[in-house]
Amino acid sequence: MTLEEAKKAYKEGRPINSFILESLKLRGEKMDLRPYFGKNVIVTDVDNIIYKGFVAVGTIPGDSDDNCYEIDLIGTKQYGDSYFTLTEYEIKSIELDPDKEDLRKSE
């Protein structure tokens, strides 16, 4: 997958290789999390912890204290109905959860 193909896949909410995501970060490009706002996702963080949940809140760089994209997940196995925040720098990979059709249902 080329970098351009990865960018297109990412914008469409399709999963992409974590190596390519890291490459985008190293180039100073933002990980645009907007395609995932209001959707059920599967997120792997930089410590290889996997979270499945609903992106209840999304924050854009201009509104973030760290000037980066952030998501607040709810409905995760680890945190239940409590909000759990991840910044783009903490996310190794993200994809839409193919098993979830109803926006609010999660594990």
Protein backbone atom coordinates (compact mmCIF):
# COMPACT_ATOMS: atom_id res chain seq x y z
CA MET A 1 0.00 0.00 0.00
CA THR A 2 1.45 3.34 -0.98
CA LEU A 3 1.31 6.36 1.30
CA GLU A 4 -1.33 7.97 -0.93
CA GLU A 5 -3.46 4.82 -0.86
CA ALA A 6 -3.10 4.71 2.92
CA LYS A 7 -4.20 8.33 3.25
CA LYS A 8 -7.26 7.61 1.10
CA ALA A 9 -8.11 4.45 3.08
CA TYR A 10 -7.68 6.36 6.33
CA LYS A 11 -9.99 9.17 5.22
CA GLU A 12 -12.59 6.55 4.26
CA GLY A 13 -12.37 4.94 7.69
CA ARG A 14 -10.78 1.73 6.43
CA PRO A 15 -8.05 0.09 8.53
CA ILE A 16 -4.48 0.82 7.57
CA ASN A 17 -1.15 -0.52 8.69
CA SER A 18 0.15 0.94 11.96
CA PHE A 19 3.57 1.40 10.32
CA ILE A 20 2.00 3.78 7.81
CA LEU A 21 0.18 5.65 10.60
CA GLU A 22 3.51 6.08 12.39
CA SER A 23 5.07 7.30 9.15
CA LEU A 24 2.36 9.95 8.83
CA LYS A 25 3.04 11.11 12.39
CA LEU A 26 6.80 11.30 11.78
CA ARG A 27 6.16 13.48 8.75
CA GLY A 28 4.29 15.88 11.01
CA GLU A 29 0.92 15.04 9.50
CA LYS A 30 -2.11 14.89 11.77
CA MET A 31 -4.02 11.65 12.25
CA ASP A 32 -7.45 12.91 11.26
CA LEU A 33 -9.88 11.11 13.56
CA ARG A 34 -12.98 12.91 12.25
CA PRO A 35 -14.15 9.93 10.12
CA TYR A 36 -14.55 7.99 13.36
CA PHE A 37 -16.60 10.58 15.31
CA GLY A 38 -19.97 9.07 16.25
CA LYS A 39 -18.96 5.54 15.22
CA ASN A 40 -18.10 2.23 16.87
CA VAL A 41 -14.39 1.59 16.56
CA ILE A 42 -11.61 -0.79 17.47
CA VAL A 43 -8.54 1.09 18.69
CA THR A 44 -5.10 -0.29 19.49
CA ASP A 45 -3.02 2.07 21.58
CA VAL A 46 0.77 2.41 21.56
CA ASP A 47 0.96 -0.12 24.43
CA ASN A 48 -0.95 -2.66 22.28
CA ILE A 49 -4.09 -2.44 24.43
CA ILE A 50 -7.23 -2.93 22.34
CA TYR A 51 -10.37 -0.91 23.05
CA LYS A 52 -13.75 -1.46 21.42
CA GLY A 53 -16.18 1.36 21.95
CA PHE A 54 -18.26 4.22 20.64
CA VAL A 55 -16.60 7.57 19.84
CA ALA A 56 -18.94 9.78 21.84
CA VAL A 57 -16.82 12.93 21.65
CA GLY A 58 -14.25 14.05 19.11
CA THR A 59 -11.91 17.00 19.54
CA ILE A 60 -10.08 18.78 16.75
CA PRO A 61 -6.52 20.16 17.14
CA GLY A 62 -7.60 23.79 17.61
CA ASP A 63 -9.75 22.82 20.59
CA SER A 64 -7.29 20.38 22.16
CA ASP A 65 -4.80 21.29 24.90
CA ASP A 66 -2.17 19.24 23.04
CA ASN A 67 -3.11 20.66 19.60
CA CYS A 68 -4.02 17.22 18.28
CA TYR A 69 -7.08 15.12 17.50
CA GLU A 70 -8.67 13.36 20.46
CA ILE A 71 -11.49 10.88 20.87
CA ASP A 72 -13.54 10.00 23.94
CA LEU A 73 -14.69 6.39 23.92
CA ILE A 74 -17.60 5.00 25.92
CA GLY A 75 -18.82 1.44 26.26
CA THR A 76 -15.37 -0.16 26.40
CA LYS A 77 -14.78 -3.36 28.34
CA GLN A 78 -12.12 -1.57 30.39
CA TYR A 79 -14.10 1.59 31.32
CA GLY A 80 -17.78 0.72 30.75
CA ASP A 81 -19.95 3.83 30.48
CA SER A 82 -17.17 6.14 31.70
CA TYR A 83 -15.48 8.32 29.10
CA PHE A 84 -11.95 7.33 28.13
CA THR A 85 -9.84 9.81 26.15
CA LEU A 86 -7.17 8.92 23.61
CA THR A 87 -5.09 11.41 21.65
CA GLU A 88 -3.83 10.78 18.14
CA TYR A 89 -0.35 10.27 19.64
CA GLU A 90 -1.60 7.40 21.81
CA ILE A 91 -3.30 5.58 18.94
CA LYS A 92 -1.36 2.93 17.06
CA SER A 93 -4.27 1.89 14.83
CA ILE A 94 -7.99 2.56 14.52
CA GLU A 95 -10.72 1.01 12.42
CA LEU A 96 -14.49 0.90 12.28
CA ASP A 97 -15.95 -2.04 14.20
CA PRO A 98 -17.45 -4.30 11.50
CA ASP A 99 -19.61 -6.14 14.07
CA LYS A 100 -21.52 -3.03 15.20
CA GLU A 101 -24.38 -1.67 13.17
CA ASP A 102 -26.25 0.23 15.89
CA LEU A 103 -24.16 3.32 16.66
CA ARG A 104 -24.55 3.16 20.43
CA LYS A 105 -24.00 -0.59 20.96
CA SER A 106 -20.53 -1.71 21.97
CA GLU A 107 -18.86 -4.33 24.14
